[in-house]
C-alpha cells in the first residue's frame, strides 16, 4: 500500500474512533485524497495525452467554490441581511455564530471564574466564549460507548453550576436519547430553570 492511500485509511479510521463526523474532522481526509487524485490525474494525462489546459479548466469548473457565503456577507455589508431571529418562540432555530458568542459572554457575566458550565449538545463555541471549564472532558457531544460512560461518570462527580440545553430540533435529532435522558434527569433533581437565552434553556444548580 502506498503512502497516500495508507494516510487516507488511517485518517478515516481515526475519524471513526472519535465518532463525530463534523466538517472539521472530514477535512483531515482532504490532503491524502488530494494527493491520490493528483497522482491519478497525472497518470491519465500521460496515458491518454489529454491537453493540460483543458483538464485544468475542467477541474476549475468542477471544484469552483460555493458563492453562498460571500453573497450572504455582501448582503450584510450592504444592510440587506435577513430579518432578525425571534428567540423563545417556535420554530426554535439554532443561533448563528454571533449570537452564540453573545450567549457565551452572558454566561461569563453570570458565573464566577471557578464555576463549571455544561453546554449540552454541540456547544463548543458557546463554551469557548464563556471562558468556563466543562465538568467533563467531552464538552462536545461524542456518542461512542466509552465517551458516554466517561460523560456519565464526570457529571455525577462534578455537577456544574450551570447547564444549558438547546430547544432547537437539532438537539433531538442529533443527540442520542440516553444522553438527553441522563441530562434531563440530572436537571430535574438538582437544578431550576433560570432563563431562556438564544433558544437555550439555562438551568442553575439549586443552593
Protein backbone atom coordinates (compact mmCIF):
# COMPACT_ATOMS: atom_id res chain seq x y z
CA UNK A 1 0.00 0.00 0.00
CA UNK A 2 1.48 3.35 -1.00
CA UNK A 3 1.80 6.30 1.35
CA UNK A 4 -1.20 8.46 0.25
CA UNK A 5 -3.60 5.51 0.45
CA UNK A 6 -2.25 4.49 3.88
CA UNK A 7 -2.59 8.09 5.08
CA UNK A 8 -6.20 8.21 3.85
CA UNK A 9 -7.10 4.90 5.52
CA UNK A 10 -5.55 5.91 8.85
CA UNK A 11 -7.33 9.30 8.79
CA UNK A 12 -10.64 7.54 8.11
CA UNK A 13 -10.06 5.12 11.00
CA UNK A 14 -9.17 8.00 13.34
CA UNK A 15 -12.35 9.91 12.47
CA UNK A 16 -14.44 6.81 13.18
CA UNK A 17 -12.72 6.35 16.54
CA UNK A 18 -13.67 9.91 17.51
CA UNK A 19 -17.26 9.25 16.46
CA UNK A 20 -18.02 12.79 15.27
CA UNK A 21 -18.42 13.39 11.52
CA UNK A 22 -18.10 17.16 11.50
CA UNK A 23 -16.65 19.25 8.68
CA UNK A 24 -13.50 19.99 10.67
CA UNK A 25 -12.86 16.25 11.10
CA UNK A 26 -13.59 15.35 7.50
CA UNK A 27 -11.03 17.94 6.41
CA UNK A 28 -8.37 15.54 7.65
CA UNK A 29 -9.18 13.40 4.61
CA UNK A 30 -8.55 16.20 2.13
CA UNK A 31 -4.71 16.11 1.98
CA UNK A 32 -4.39 12.38 1.18
CA UNK A 33 -7.38 12.48 -1.16
CA UNK A 34 -5.85 15.47 -2.97
CA UNK A 35 -2.57 13.61 -3.41
CA UNK A 36 -4.35 10.48 -4.67
CA UNK A 37 -6.39 12.48 -7.17
CA UNK A 38 -3.34 14.43 -8.36
CA UNK A 39 -1.42 11.19 -8.98
CA UNK A 40 -4.43 9.70 -10.80
CA UNK A 41 -4.88 12.85 -12.90
CA UNK A 42 -1.19 12.90 -13.86
CA UNK A 43 -1.38 9.23 -14.87
CA UNK A 44 -4.47 9.79 -17.02
CA UNK A 45 -2.95 12.88 -18.65
CA UNK A 46 0.14 10.92 -19.60
CA UNK A 47 -1.72 7.81 -20.77
CA UNK A 48 -4.39 9.50 -22.91
CA UNK A 49 -2.34 12.56 -23.94
CA UNK A 50 -5.02 14.97 -22.75
CA UNK A 51 -4.34 18.73 -23.11
CA UNK A 52 -3.23 20.22 -19.80
CA UNK A 53 -5.21 23.44 -20.25
CA UNK A 54 -8.49 21.61 -20.87
CA UNK A 55 -8.01 19.39 -17.82
CA UNK A 56 -7.16 22.41 -15.64
CA UNK A 57 -10.30 24.17 -16.88
CA UNK A 58 -12.41 21.10 -16.10
CA UNK A 59 -11.00 20.86 -12.58
CA UNK A 60 -11.66 24.55 -12.02
CA UNK A 61 -15.29 24.25 -13.11
CA UNK A 62 -15.93 21.13 -11.01
CA UNK A 63 -14.32 22.44 -7.83
CA UNK A 64 -15.25 26.13 -8.09
CA UNK A 65 -16.07 27.28 -4.52
CA UNK A 66 -19.62 27.91 -3.45
CA UNK A 67 -20.60 31.57 -3.61
CA UNK A 68 -23.31 31.28 -0.94
CA UNK A 69 -21.20 32.60 1.94
CA UNK A 70 -19.65 35.57 0.04
CA UNK A 71 -23.09 36.65 -1.22
CA UNK A 72 -24.55 36.43 2.31
CA UNK A 73 -21.66 38.51 3.68
CA UNK A 74 -22.14 41.09 0.92
CA UNK A 75 -25.82 41.41 1.86
CA UNK A 76 -24.81 42.07 5.47
CA UNK A 77 -22.33 44.77 4.40
CA UNK A 78 -24.99 46.40 2.23
CA UNK A 79 -27.52 46.33 5.07
CA UNK A 80 -29.87 43.91 3.33
CA UNK A 81 -29.40 40.95 5.63
CA UNK A 82 -32.12 38.57 6.72
CA UNK A 83 -34.60 39.84 9.34
CA UNK A 84 -33.52 39.35 12.97
CA UNK A 85 -34.22 36.00 14.59
CA UNK A 86 -37.04 35.91 17.14
CA UNK A 87 -35.93 33.76 20.06
CA UNK A 88 -38.10 31.93 22.56
CA UNK A 89 -40.85 31.11 20.04
CA UNK A 90 -41.39 28.12 17.78
CA UNK A 91 -39.92 27.22 15.40
CA UNK A 92 -36.78 27.32 17.54
CA UNK A 93 -33.69 27.98 15.46
CA UNK A 94 -30.07 27.21 16.14
CA UNK A 95 -28.48 30.63 16.80
CA UNK A 96 -25.82 31.85 14.37
CA UNK A 97 -22.22 32.35 15.45
CA UNK A 98 -22.67 35.98 16.54
CA UNK A 99 -25.46 35.04 18.94
CA UNK A 100 -23.53 32.02 20.23
CA UNK A 101 -20.72 34.42 21.06
CA UNK A 102 -23.17 36.72 22.86
CA UNK A 103 -24.53 33.75 24.82
CA UNK A 104 -21.02 32.76 25.87
CA UNK A 105 -20.37 36.28 27.12
CA UNK A 106 -23.66 36.26 29.02
CA UNK A 107 -22.62 33.02 30.75
CA UNK A 108 -19.28 34.59 31.66
CA UNK A 109 -21.04 37.59 33.22
CA UNK A 110 -23.45 35.42 35.24
CA UNK A 111 -20.97 32.88 36.62
CA UNK A 112 -17.80 33.08 38.66
CA UNK A 113 -14.44 32.10 37.24
CA UNK A 114 -14.42 28.87 39.27
CA UNK A 115 -17.89 27.75 38.11
CA UNK A 116 -18.13 24.87 35.68
CA UNK A 117 -20.65 25.08 32.84
CA UNK A 118 -22.11 22.36 30.63
CA UNK A 119 -23.41 23.42 27.22
CA UNK A 120 -25.04 20.19 26.16
CA UNK A 121 -25.06 19.19 22.50
CA UNK A 122 -22.63 20.73 20.02
CA UNK A 123 -21.94 23.90 22.03
CA UNK A 124 -18.20 24.26 21.61
CA UNK A 125 -18.33 27.89 20.51
CA UNK A 126 -20.56 28.89 23.42
CA UNK A 127 -18.24 27.05 25.81
CA UNK A 128 -15.17 28.84 24.45
CA UNK A 129 -16.72 32.31 24.60
CA UNK A 130 -17.94 31.69 28.15
CA UNK A 131 -14.34 31.07 29.30
CA UNK A 132 -15.68 28.49 31.76
CA UNK A 133 -14.49 24.93 32.20
CA UNK A 134 -16.72 22.00 31.36
CA UNK A 135 -17.36 19.39 34.08
CA UNK A 136 -16.40 16.68 31.59
CA UNK A 137 -13.66 16.17 29.05
CA UNK A 138 -16.42 15.52 26.49
CA UNK A 139 -17.67 19.12 26.36
CA UNK A 140 -18.83 18.45 22.80
CA UNK A 141 -21.13 15.53 22.05
CA UNK A 142 -19.19 12.30 21.42
CA UNK A 143 -21.50 9.31 21.26
CA UNK A 144 -19.24 6.30 21.44
CA UNK A 145 -19.85 3.87 24.34
CA UNK A 146 -16.58 4.82 26.05
CA UNK A 147 -17.32 8.54 25.73
CA UNK A 148 -20.83 8.13 27.12
CA UNK A 149 -19.59 6.18 30.14
CA UNK A 150 -16.98 8.87 30.88
CA UNK A 151 -19.57 11.61 30.40
CA UNK A 152 -21.95 10.00 32.93
CA UNK A 153 -19.12 9.50 35.41
CA UNK A 154 -17.85 13.08 35.09
CA UNK A 155 -21.31 14.60 35.53
CA UNK A 156 -22.02 12.51 38.63
CA UNK A 157 -18.71 13.57 40.17
CA UNK A 158 -18.69 17.22 39.07
CA UNK A 159 -22.11 18.84 38.92
CA UNK A 160 -21.72 22.12 37.02
CA UNK A 161 -23.04 25.43 38.30
CA UNK A 162 -24.98 25.92 35.07
CA UNK A 163 -26.38 23.62 32.39
CA UNK A 164 -27.64 24.83 29.01
CA UNK A 165 -29.96 22.62 26.97
CA UNK A 166 -30.92 23.55 23.39
CA UNK A 167 -34.54 23.95 22.35
CA UNK A 168 -33.95 23.65 18.61
CA UNK A 169 -34.71 20.41 16.70
CA UNK A 170 -31.06 19.53 16.05
CA UNK A 171 -30.72 18.61 19.71
CA UNK A 172 -33.45 15.97 19.43
CA UNK A 173 -32.26 14.75 16.04
CA UNK A 174 -28.51 14.54 16.61
CA UNK A 175 -28.08 13.68 20.30
CA UNK A 176 -28.84 10.12 21.40
CA UNK A 177 -31.89 9.63 23.62
CA UNK A 178 -29.91 8.12 26.50
CA UNK A 179 -27.66 11.19 26.73
CA UNK A 180 -30.65 13.54 26.62
CA UNK A 181 -32.45 11.48 29.26
CA UNK A 182 -29.44 11.48 31.59
CA UNK A 183 -29.05 15.27 31.42
CA UNK A 184 -32.81 15.76 31.80
CA UNK A 185 -32.90 13.62 34.96
CA UNK A 186 -29.88 15.46 36.36
CA UNK A 187 -31.57 18.80 35.76
CA UNK A 188 -34.86 17.71 37.33
CA UNK A 189 -33.19 16.56 40.55
CA UNK A 190 -30.58 19.27 41.07
CA UNK A 191 -31.40 22.39 39.04
CA UNK A 192 -34.00 25.06 38.40
CA UNK A 193 -34.76 26.97 35.20
CA UNK A 194 -33.21 30.41 35.46
CA UNK A 195 -33.89 31.82 32.00
CA UNK A 196 -34.10 31.14 28.28
CA UNK A 197 -31.35 32.66 26.15
CA UNK A 198 -30.98 32.34 22.38
CA UNK A 199 -33.17 29.20 22.36
CA UNK A 200 -31.18 27.56 25.15
CA UNK A 201 -32.80 26.67 28.45
CA UNK A 202 -30.44 27.87 31.18
CA UNK A 203 -30.54 25.83 34.39
CA UNK A 204 -28.83 26.91 37.62
CA UNK A 205 -27.87 24.43 40.33
CA UNK A 206 -30.00 24.53 43.48
CA UNK A 207 -28.32 26.03 46.54
